[in-house]
C-alpha atoms as a PDB file:
ATOM      1  CA  MET A   1     114.807 123.628  74.959  1.00  0.00           C
ATOM      2  CA  VAL A   2     112.048 125.327  76.922  1.00  0.00           C
ATOM      3  CA  ASP A   3     109.055 123.201  77.883  1.00  0.00           C
ATOM      4  CA  PRO A   4     105.721 124.471  76.568  1.00  0.00           C
ATOM      5  CA  PRO A   5     103.390 125.924  79.173  1.00  0.00           C
ATOM      6  CA  PRO A   6     101.431 123.172  80.922  1.00  0.00           C
ATOM      7  CA  ARG A   7      97.956 122.301  79.708  1.00  0.00           C
ATOM      8  CA  PRO A   8      95.349 123.007  82.360  1.00  0.00           C
ATOM      9  CA  ALA A   9      95.085 119.287  83.166  1.00  0.00           C
ATOM     10  CA  ASP A  10      98.822 119.020  83.995  1.00  0.00           C
ATOM     11  CA  SER A  11      98.393 120.689  87.377  1.00  0.00           C
ATOM     12  CA  ALA A  12      95.463 118.418  88.270  1.00  0.00           C
ATOM     13  CA  ILE A  13      97.483 115.343  87.280  1.00  0.00           C
ATOM     14  CA  ALA A  14     100.487 116.551  89.278  1.00  0.00           C
ATOM     15  CA  ARG A  15      98.270 117.296  92.278  1.00  0.00           C
ATOM     16  CA  ALA A  16      96.698 113.804  92.126  1.00  0.00           C
ATOM     17  CA  LEU A  17     100.155 112.214  92.046  1.00  0.00           C
ATOM     18  CA  LEU A  18     101.714 114.423  94.734  1.00  0.00           C
ATOM     19  CA  ASP A  19      98.739 114.365  97.112  1.00  0.00           C
ATOM     20  CA  SER A  20      98.566 110.565  96.954  1.00  0.00           C
ATOM     21  CA  GLY A  21     102.236 110.111  97.818  1.00  0.00           C
ATOM     22  CA  SER A  22     102.914 108.661  94.356  1.00  0.00           C
ATOM     23  CA  VAL A  23     106.069 110.773  94.136  1.00  0.00           C
ATOM     24  CA  ARG A  24     108.553 110.006  96.917  1.00  0.00           C
ATOM     25  CA  PHE A  25     112.051 111.299  97.467  1.00  0.00           C
ATOM     26  CA  GLY A  26     114.946 109.266  98.895  1.00  0.00           C
ATOM     27  CA  ARG A  27     117.207 106.603  97.378  1.00  0.00           C
ATOM     28  CA  PHE A  28     115.545 103.987  95.190  1.00  0.00           C
ATOM     29  CA  THR A  29     116.462 101.251  92.709  1.00  0.00           C
ATOM     30  CA  LEU A  30     114.144 101.345  89.712  1.00  0.00           C
ATOM     31  CA  ALA A  31     112.862  98.439  87.584  1.00  0.00           C
ATOM     32  CA  SER A  32     115.452  99.476  84.981  1.00  0.00           C
ATOM     33  CA  GLY A  33     118.208  98.854  87.554  1.00  0.00           C
ATOM     34  CA  GLN A  34     119.037 102.564  87.726  1.00  0.00           C
ATOM     35  CA  THR A  35     119.172 104.324  91.071  1.00  0.00           C
ATOM     36  CA  SER A  36     117.221 107.517  91.605  1.00  0.00           C
ATOM     37  CA  ASP A  37     116.455 110.123  94.237  1.00  0.00           C
ATOM     38  CA  VAL A  38     112.762 109.981  93.334  1.00  0.00           C
ATOM     39  CA  TYR A  39     110.329 107.087  93.038  1.00  0.00           C
ATOM     40  CA  VAL A  40     107.067 107.386  91.133  1.00  0.00           C
ATOM     41  CA  ASP A  41     104.378 104.855  92.069  1.00  0.00           C
ATOM     42  CA  VAL A  42     101.201 105.761  90.163  1.00  0.00           C
ATOM     43  CA  LYS A  43      99.385 102.865  91.904  1.00  0.00           C
ATOM     44  CA  ARG A  44      99.158 105.056  95.005  1.00  0.00           C
ATOM     45  CA  ALA A  45      97.070 107.499  92.949  1.00  0.00           C
ATOM     46  CA  TRP A  46      94.874 105.058  91.043  1.00  0.00           C
ATOM     47  CA  THR A  47      93.725 103.267  94.192  1.00  0.00           C
ATOM     48  CA  HIS A  48      91.658 106.368  95.038  1.00  0.00           C
ATOM     49  CA  PRO A  49      88.564 106.748  92.786  1.00  0.00           C
ATOM     50  CA  GLY A  50      88.801 110.547  92.532  1.00  0.00           C
ATOM     51  CA  ARG A  51      92.465 110.442  91.530  1.00  0.00           C
ATOM     52  CA  LEU A  52      91.887 107.581  89.102  1.00  0.00           C
ATOM     53  CA  THR A  53      89.140 109.696  87.527  1.00  0.00           C
ATOM     54  CA  VAL A  54      91.578 112.596  87.009  1.00  0.00           C
ATOM     55  CA  LEU A  55      94.124 110.289  85.351  1.00  0.00           C
ATOM     56  CA  ALA A  56      91.542 108.477  83.210  1.00  0.00           C
ATOM     57  CA  GLU A  57      89.988 111.721  81.990  1.00  0.00           C
ATOM     58  CA  ALA A  58      93.415 113.057  80.992  1.00  0.00           C
ATOM     59  CA  LEU A  59      94.247 109.801  79.191  1.00  0.00           C
ATOM     60  CA  ALA A  60      90.836 109.649  77.485  1.00  0.00           C
ATOM     61  CA  ALA A  61      91.292 113.202  76.172  1.00  0.00           C
ATOM     62  CA  ARG A  62      94.471 112.050  74.387  1.00  0.00           C
ATOM     63  CA  VAL A  63      93.304 108.692  72.988  1.00  0.00           C
ATOM     64  CA  GLY A  64      92.588 109.944  69.472  1.00  0.00           C
ATOM     65  CA  THR A  65      91.952 107.450  66.667  1.00  0.00           C
ATOM     66  CA  THR A  66      92.542 103.850  67.679  1.00  0.00           C
ATOM     67  CA  ASP A  67      90.741 100.506  67.609  1.00  0.00           C
ATOM     68  CA  ARG A  68      91.569  99.440  71.153  1.00  0.00           C
ATOM     69  CA  LEU A  69      93.617 100.220  74.224  1.00  0.00           C
ATOM     70  CA  ALA A  70      96.238  98.025  75.882  1.00  0.00           C
ATOM     71  CA  GLY A  71      98.348  97.956  79.020  1.00  0.00           C
ATOM     72  CA  MET A  72     100.567  95.584  80.956  1.00  0.00           C
ATOM     73  CA  GLU A  73      99.620  94.156  84.320  1.00  0.00           C
ATOM     74  CA  LEU A  74      99.658  95.513  87.091  1.00  0.00           C
ATOM     75  CA  GLY A  75     100.362  99.226  86.855  1.00  0.00           C
ATOM     76  CA  ALA A  76      98.410  99.983  83.679  1.00  0.00           C
ATOM     77  CA  VAL A  77      95.309  97.824  84.249  1.00  0.00           C
ATOM     78  CA  PRO A  78      93.128 100.306  86.188  1.00  0.00           C
ATOM     79  CA  LEU A  79      94.267 103.104  83.867  1.00  0.00           C
ATOM     80  CA  VAL A  80      93.284 101.126  80.758  1.00  0.00           C
ATOM     81  CA  VAL A  81      89.938 100.012  82.196  1.00  0.00           C
ATOM     82  CA  ALA A  82      88.998 103.488  83.446  1.00  0.00           C
ATOM     83  CA  THR A  83      90.019 105.045  80.107  1.00  0.00           C
ATOM     84  CA  ALA A  84      88.034 102.424  78.176  1.00  0.00           C
ATOM     85  CA  LEU A  85      84.952 103.198  80.268  1.00  0.00           C
ATOM     86  CA  ARG A  86      85.270 106.861  79.241  1.00  0.00           C
ATOM     87  CA  THR A  87      86.009 106.294  75.544  1.00  0.00           C
ATOM     88  CA  GLY A  88      84.084 103.112  74.782  1.00  0.00           C
ATOM     89  CA  HIS A  89      87.199 101.479  73.295  1.00  0.00           C
ATOM     90  CA  PRO A  90      87.713  97.768  73.895  1.00  0.00           C
ATOM     91  CA  PHE A  91      90.970  96.885  75.606  1.00  0.00           C
ATOM     92  CA  VAL A  92      93.634  94.226  75.975  1.00  0.00           C
ATOM     93  CA  ILE A  93      95.620  93.406  79.103  1.00  0.00           C
ATOM     94  CA  ILE A  94      99.158  92.122  78.574  1.00  0.00           C
ATOM     95  CA  ARG A  95     100.531  89.579  81.009  1.00  0.00           C
ATOM     96  CA  LYS A  96     104.120  89.926  82.203  1.00  0.00           C
ATOM     97  CA  ALA A  97     104.539  86.235  81.390  1.00  0.00           C
ATOM     98  CA  SER A  98     102.473  83.587  79.622  1.00  0.00           C
ATOM     99  CA  LYS A  99     100.132  81.549  81.764  1.00  0.00           C
ATOM    100  CA  ASP A 100     101.498  78.077  82.436  1.00  0.00           C
ATOM    101  CA  HIS A 101      98.070  76.517  81.930  1.00  0.00           C
ATOM    102  CA  GLY A 102      95.094  76.787  79.595  1.00  0.00           C
ATOM    103  CA  THR A 103      95.841  78.692  76.403  1.00  0.00           C
ATOM    104  CA  ARG A 104      99.159  80.114  77.680  1.00  0.00           C
ATOM    105  CA  GLN A 105      98.291  83.551  76.302  1.00  0.00           C
ATOM    106  CA  ARG A 106     100.206  86.766  76.931  1.00  0.00           C
ATOM    107  CA  CYS A 107      97.119  88.902  76.181  1.00  0.00           C
ATOM    108  CA  GLU A 108      93.601  88.937  77.539  1.00  0.00           C
ATOM    109  CA  GLY A 109      91.190  90.464  75.053  1.00  0.00           C
ATOM    110  CA  GLU A 110      90.759  90.316  71.318  1.00  0.00           C
ATOM    111  CA  ILE A 111      93.254  91.686  68.810  1.00  0.00           C
ATOM    112  CA  ARG A 112      92.427  91.382  65.116  1.00  0.00           C
ATOM    113  CA  GLY A 113      95.276  91.625  62.619  1.00  0.00           C
ATOM    114  CA  GLY A 114      95.740  95.265  61.641  1.00  0.00           C
ATOM    115  CA  ASP A 115      94.006  96.697  64.720  1.00  0.00           C
ATOM    116  CA  ARG A 116      95.487 100.038  65.758  1.00  0.00           C
ATOM    117  CA  VAL A 117      96.289  99.649  69.456  1.00  0.00           C
ATOM    118  CA  LEU A 118      97.170 102.468  71.827  1.00  0.00           C
ATOM    119  CA  LEU A 119      99.473 101.377  74.642  1.00  0.00           C
ATOM    120  CA  ILE A 120      98.894 102.972  78.065  1.00  0.00           C
ATOM    121  CA  GLU A 121     101.605 102.903  80.748  1.00  0.00           C
ATOM    122  CA  ASP A 122     101.850 104.275  84.273  1.00  0.00           C
ATOM    123  CA  VAL A 123     105.550 105.263  84.361  1.00  0.00           C
ATOM    124  CA  ALA A 124     108.268 105.217  81.695  1.00  0.00           C
ATOM    125  CA  THR A 125     111.965 105.296  82.525  1.00  0.00           C
ATOM    126  CA  THR A 126     114.088 103.599  79.868  1.00  0.00           C
ATOM    127  CA  GLY A 127     111.082 102.188  77.994  1.00  0.00           C
ATOM    128  CA  GLY A 128     111.927  98.518  78.564  1.00  0.00           C
ATOM    129  CA  SER A 129     108.457  97.522  79.738  1.00  0.00           C
ATOM    130  CA  SER A 130     106.844  99.479  76.902  1.00  0.00           C
ATOM    131  CA  LEU A 131     109.090  97.805  74.334  1.00  0.00           C
ATOM    132  CA  GLU A 132     108.094  94.402  75.689  1.00  0.00           C
ATOM    133  CA  SER A 133     104.396  95.313  75.497  1.00  0.00           C
ATOM    134  CA  ILE A 134     104.785  96.632  71.955  1.00  0.00           C
ATOM    135  CA  ALA A 135     106.494  93.405  70.859  1.00  0.00           C
ATOM    136  CA  VAL A 136     103.697  91.273  72.364  1.00  0.00           C
ATOM    137  CA  LEU A 137     101.016  93.389  70.694  1.00  0.00           C
ATOM    138  CA  ARG A 138     102.769  93.387  67.325  1.00  0.00           C
ATOM    139  CA  ASP A 139     103.226  89.606  67.547  1.00  0.00           C
ATOM    140  CA  GLN A 140      99.422  89.441  67.777  1.00  0.00           C
ATOM    141  CA  GLY A 141      99.085  91.481  64.567  1.00  0.00           C
ATOM    142  CA  ALA A 142      98.450  94.884  66.165  1.00  0.00           C
ATOM    143  CA  VAL A 143      99.683  98.160  64.730  1.00  0.00           C
ATOM    144  CA  VAL A 144     101.252 100.152  67.572  1.00  0.00           C
ATOM    145  CA  ASP A 145     102.607 103.624  66.819  1.00  0.00           C
ATOM    146  CA  ARG A 146     101.633 105.601  69.949  1.00  0.00           C
ATOM    147  CA  ALA A 147     101.855 105.112  73.688  1.00  0.00           C
ATOM    148  CA  LEU A 148     100.489 107.270  76.497  1.00  0.00           C
ATOM    149  CA  VAL A 149     102.220 107.342  79.858  1.00  0.00           C
ATOM    150  CA  VAL A 150     101.154 109.085  83.045  1.00  0.00           C
ATOM    151  CA  VAL A 151     104.734 110.044  84.022  1.00  0.00           C
ATOM    152  CA  ASP A 152     107.804 110.114  81.798  1.00  0.00           C
ATOM    153  CA  ARG A 153     110.916 110.028  83.984  1.00  0.00           C
ATOM    154  CA  GLU A 154     112.850 111.474  81.000  1.00  0.00           C
ATOM    155  CA  SER A 155     115.476 108.729  81.078  1.00  0.00           C
ATOM    156  CA  GLY A 156     115.472 107.561  77.472  1.00  0.00           C
ATOM    157  CA  ALA A 157     112.029 106.009  76.921  1.00  0.00           C
ATOM    158  CA  VAL A 158     110.963 108.586  74.318  1.00  0.00           C
ATOM    159  CA  ASP A 159     114.011 107.885  72.145  1.00  0.00           C
ATOM    160  CA  ARG A 160     113.915 104.092  72.610  1.00  0.00           C
ATOM    161  CA  LEU A 161     110.272 103.916  71.590  1.00  0.00           C
ATOM    162  CA  ALA A 162     110.870 106.265  68.654  1.00  0.00           C
ATOM    163  CA  GLY A 163     113.491 103.739  67.552  1.00  0.00           C
ATOM    164  CA  VAL A 164     110.710 101.175  66.995  1.00  0.00           C
ATOM    165  CA  GLY A 165     108.309 103.674  65.440  1.00  0.00           C
ATOM    166  CA  VAL A 166     106.253 104.510  68.539  1.00  0.00           C
ATOM    167  CA  ARG A 167     105.622 108.050  69.796  1.00  0.00           C
ATOM    168  CA  LEU A 168     105.553 108.224  73.613  1.00  0.00           C
ATOM    169  CA  GLU A 169     103.225 110.947  74.907  1.00  0.00           C
ATOM    170  CA  PRO A 170     103.427 111.738  78.643  1.00  0.00           C
ATOM    171  CA  LEU A 171     100.681 113.343  80.690  1.00  0.00           C
ATOM    172  CA  VAL A 172     103.426 114.887  82.849  1.00  0.00           C
ATOM    173  CA  THR A 173     107.193 114.634  83.108  1.00  0.00           C
ATOM    174  CA  LEU A 174     109.356 114.074  86.145  1.00  0.00           C
ATOM    175  CA  SER A 175     110.859 117.561  85.767  1.00  0.00           C
ATOM    176  CA  TYR A 176     107.365 119.040  85.826  1.00  0.00           C
ATOM    177  CA  LEU A 177     106.554 117.099  89.021  1.00  0.00           C
ATOM    178  CA  ARG A 178     109.849 118.201  90.621  1.00  0.00           C
ATOM    179  CA  GLY A 179     108.845 121.818  89.999  1.00  0.00           C
ATOM    180  CA  GLN A 180     105.498 121.551  91.791  1.00  0.00           C
ATOM    181  CA  PRO A 181     105.079 122.705  95.361  1.00  0.00           C
ATOM    182  CA  PRO A 182     104.701 119.857  97.903  1.00  0.00           C
END
């Protein structure tokens, strides 16, 4: 299958990631437990306001119809906040674990039963983190059928999310990044 030609924003996204050192080559163990010759750390891009702006504008352009945005701490938080500032959508932050005090919530922000929530992620490999976020959101009564990710590593996340009725939409793929000049 031949990839469609890149949208104009793809090169700007790739440049923001490559110029920030977000894409590194070597030998790495990923959160999924897999080993890889490339590591993608979008945090290196979003810590620079200009690069965060590029990512947020690309995400905002793809938000579509939704009631609110959501993302898991830490990697998605700046992306969700910056996208919300551009779109005006309220957002929810998902904790990796419940607080051990207070209300012991997994989510910060309001979700009303039936709200359509768009999940935003920084990197997807096998989709494990996304599946966890989707489960937390659905437990709160949210309807989740789409997720945006800055980089899809093309290692099964699209199919795993499709298996739970969620379409994963990447801004760029790992193969696209590999094909860009340094």
